[in-house]
Protein backbone atom coordinates (compact mmCIF):
# COMPACT_ATOMS: atom_id res chain seq x y z
CA MET A 1 40.55 -40.28 -90.38
CA VAL A 2 42.18 -37.06 -91.57
CA GLU A 3 45.86 -38.39 -91.25
CA GLN A 4 45.02 -41.79 -93.05
CA ALA A 5 43.59 -39.87 -95.60
CA VAL A 6 46.95 -37.54 -96.25
CA LEU A 7 48.92 -40.58 -95.95
CA ASP A 8 46.63 -42.73 -98.50
CA VAL A 9 47.44 -39.40 -101.20
CA LEU A 10 51.04 -39.15 -100.32
CA ILE A 11 51.73 -42.86 -100.70
CA THR A 12 49.77 -43.11 -103.84
CA ARG A 13 51.57 -40.39 -105.78
CA LEU A 14 54.96 -41.63 -104.83
CA GLY A 15 57.14 -43.08 -107.39
CA GLY A 16 58.53 -46.23 -108.19
CA THR A 17 62.08 -45.60 -106.80
CA ALA A 18 60.69 -43.83 -103.58
CA VAL A 19 58.54 -46.50 -102.42
CA ARG A 20 61.42 -49.20 -103.07
CA LEU A 21 63.69 -47.23 -101.05
CA GLY A 22 61.11 -46.44 -98.43
CA LEU A 23 60.57 -50.08 -98.25
CA GLY A 24 64.37 -50.97 -98.01
CA TRP A 25 64.83 -48.46 -95.21
CA LEU A 26 61.78 -50.28 -93.50
CA VAL A 27 63.47 -53.69 -93.72
CA ILE A 28 66.69 -52.20 -92.42
CA GLY A 29 65.14 -50.57 -89.65
CA ILE A 30 63.46 -54.19 -88.87
CA VAL A 31 66.67 -55.86 -89.13
CA TRP A 32 68.55 -53.66 -86.79
CA LEU A 33 65.21 -54.08 -84.11
CA ALA A 34 65.99 -57.54 -84.35
CA VAL A 35 70.14 -57.04 -84.15
CA ILE A 36 69.63 -55.02 -80.47
CA THR A 37 66.85 -57.21 -79.32
CA LYS A 38 68.91 -60.59 -79.73
CA GLY A 39 65.62 -61.63 -82.09
CA PHE A 40 62.92 -60.20 -80.20
CA ARG A 41 63.77 -61.94 -77.31
CA SER A 42 64.39 -58.87 -75.21
CA PRO A 43 62.64 -55.41 -75.01
CA ALA A 44 63.61 -52.83 -77.56
CA PRO A 45 65.58 -49.46 -75.81
CA GLU A 46 63.71 -47.22 -74.48
CA LEU A 47 63.97 -43.63 -75.97
CA ARG A 48 64.27 -41.09 -72.85
CA LEU A 49 63.81 -37.09 -73.27
CA ARG A 50 64.31 -34.47 -71.33
CA SER A 51 62.57 -31.18 -71.33
CA GLY A 52 64.78 -28.10 -72.67
CA GLU A 53 64.88 -24.93 -70.61
CA GLU A 54 63.14 -23.29 -72.77
CA GLY A 55 60.07 -23.48 -74.76
CA GLY A 56 59.68 -27.21 -74.07
CA ALA A 57 61.98 -28.37 -76.52
CA ALA A 58 63.51 -32.12 -76.15
CA GLU A 59 66.76 -34.07 -76.86
CA PRO A 60 67.48 -37.62 -76.20
CA GLU A 61 69.91 -38.34 -73.27
CA ALA A 62 72.99 -39.03 -73.65
CA SER A 63 73.75 -42.76 -72.96
CA GLY A 64 77.18 -42.69 -74.45
CA PRO A 65 80.09 -40.56 -75.90
CA ARG A 66 78.75 -37.40 -77.16
CA LEU A 67 79.51 -37.10 -80.76
CA PRO A 68 80.84 -33.53 -81.96
CA THR A 69 78.05 -31.79 -83.86
CA ALA A 70 78.88 -29.29 -86.84
């Protein structure tokens, strides 16, 4: 309930450009999900996290080649 109130306040105070960018990003995400699920016919890929060695930090499991990090 409190979270919803905070979101409502934040969204109503956003400028028009921020709202358009956010909606555009949402549309891109939905289109990408449709592509990787072959038109929503197969289930979405599952994100599996492994726990870190200290502090309970988690990072995604590698499912392919690792990219170099800076």
